[in-house]
Protein backbone atom coordinates (compact mmCIF):
# COMPACT_ATOMS: atom_id res chain seq x y z
CA ALA A 1 34.58 15.25 129.21
CA VAL A 2 36.10 11.86 128.43
CA ALA A 3 37.78 13.22 125.30
CA SER A 4 39.28 16.16 127.23
CA ARG A 5 40.60 13.88 129.97
CA LEU A 6 42.17 11.53 127.41
CA ARG A 7 43.76 14.46 125.66
CA ARG A 8 45.28 15.87 128.87
CA GLN A 9 46.69 12.48 129.81
CA ALA A 10 48.10 12.01 126.32
CA ARG A 11 49.98 15.32 126.53
CA VAL A 12 51.59 14.25 129.81
CA ARG A 13 52.56 10.89 128.36
CA LEU A 14 54.00 12.53 125.27
CA LYS A 15 57.00 13.66 127.30
CA ARG A 16 57.60 10.08 128.42
CA TRP A 17 57.44 8.81 124.81
CA GLU A 18 60.06 11.33 123.83
CA VAL A 19 62.38 9.96 126.51
CA GLN A 20 61.59 6.29 125.74
CA LEU A 21 62.14 6.79 122.02
CA GLY A 22 65.42 8.58 122.69
CA LEU A 23 64.17 11.71 120.99
CA ARG A 24 66.14 14.88 121.42
CA ALA A 25 64.98 18.13 122.86
CA GLY A 26 66.00 21.22 121.04
CA GLY A 27 63.63 24.02 120.25
CA ALA A 28 60.77 23.99 117.78
CA LEU A 29 62.60 21.96 115.14
CA GLY A 30 63.57 19.27 117.63
CA ARG A 31 60.02 19.14 118.96
CA GLU A 32 58.64 18.81 115.42
CA ARG A 33 60.98 15.88 114.72
CA ASP A 34 59.94 14.27 117.99
CA LEU A 35 56.25 14.59 117.19
CA ARG A 36 56.82 13.20 113.68
CA SER A 37 58.52 10.14 115.19
CA ILE A 38 55.72 9.58 117.67
CA PHE A 39 53.10 10.03 114.95
CA ALA A 40 54.89 7.52 112.70
CA ARG A 41 55.07 5.00 115.53
CA PHE A 42 51.26 4.87 115.73
CA ASP A 43 50.54 5.22 112.01
CA THR A 44 50.53 1.44 111.69
CA SER A 45 48.91 1.51 108.24
CA GLY A 46 51.70 3.76 106.98
CA ASN A 47 49.23 5.98 105.11
CA GLY A 48 50.35 9.22 106.76
CA PHE A 49 47.19 9.58 108.87
CA LEU A 50 45.93 8.36 112.23
CA GLU A 51 42.54 6.73 111.92
CA ALA A 52 40.28 6.20 114.93
CA GLY A 53 41.65 2.71 115.58
CA GLU A 54 45.25 3.90 115.46
CA LEU A 55 44.42 6.84 117.73
CA LYS A 56 42.73 4.41 120.13
CA TYR A 57 45.94 2.38 120.30
CA ALA A 58 48.04 5.54 120.78
CA LEU A 59 45.77 6.84 123.56
CA LYS A 60 45.80 3.47 125.30
CA ALA A 61 49.60 3.52 125.20
CA ALA A 62 49.65 7.13 126.40
CA THR A 63 47.05 6.96 129.16
CA GLY A 64 46.66 3.31 130.10
CA LEU A 65 42.92 3.71 129.51
CA GLU A 66 40.92 1.91 126.85
CA PRO A 67 39.07 4.68 124.99
CA SER A 68 36.16 3.66 122.82
CA LEU A 69 36.29 4.16 119.08
CA GLU A 70 33.52 6.73 119.59
CA ASP A 71 35.77 8.70 121.99
CA CYS A 72 38.54 8.60 119.39
CA GLU A 73 36.19 9.69 116.63
CA THR A 74 35.07 12.58 118.86
CA LEU A 75 38.67 13.67 119.40
CA ILE A 76 39.32 13.48 115.69
CA SER A 77 36.23 15.53 114.88
CA MET A 78 37.33 18.21 117.37
CA ILE A 79 40.66 18.67 115.59
CA ASP A 80 40.00 17.53 112.01
CA THR A 81 40.42 20.74 110.00
CA ASP A 82 39.78 19.28 106.55
CA GLY A 83 36.86 16.96 107.33
CA ASP A 84 38.52 13.73 106.20
CA HIS A 85 37.83 11.98 109.56
CA VAL A 86 41.49 11.14 110.17
CA LEU A 87 44.37 13.02 111.78
CA ALA A 88 47.17 14.30 109.59
CA LEU A 89 50.46 15.13 111.30
CA HIS A 90 49.61 18.82 111.76
CA GLU A 91 46.27 17.87 113.35
CA PHE A 92 48.00 15.38 115.66
CA VAL A 93 50.42 18.11 116.71
CA GLN A 94 47.46 20.35 117.51
CA LEU A 95 45.79 17.54 119.47
CA VAL A 96 48.77 16.94 121.74
CA THR A 97 49.94 20.52 122.16
CA GLU A 98 46.88 22.80 122.23
CA GLU A 99 46.11 23.87 125.78
CA ASP A 100 42.34 24.32 125.64
CA LEU A 101 40.25 22.42 123.15
CA SER A 102 36.90 23.36 124.68
CA GLU A 103 36.72 26.61 122.71
CA ARG A 104 36.57 24.61 119.46
CA ALA A 105 33.81 22.22 120.57
């Protein structure tokens, strides 16, 4: 329940990040560039993945809430397609754009 609420709030905030970062709208390619920029902003380690701590920071920025590391790990496990316990860009895109995550849980 907490993970689903955080995810919904993050999707709403995503639009605001796009505006704040000056990202352009423009079809699927523009959206992909926007999501890459947002992902890179929170990939503070620069390793190309969002770890639970980085996701926690991103969700706090997106929602104003302070999710626990456990909540972030739960979100990651719901989306993590390769079992590496981090979010790659394509998994992040799925996290912030997929409408209903409950079917995967």
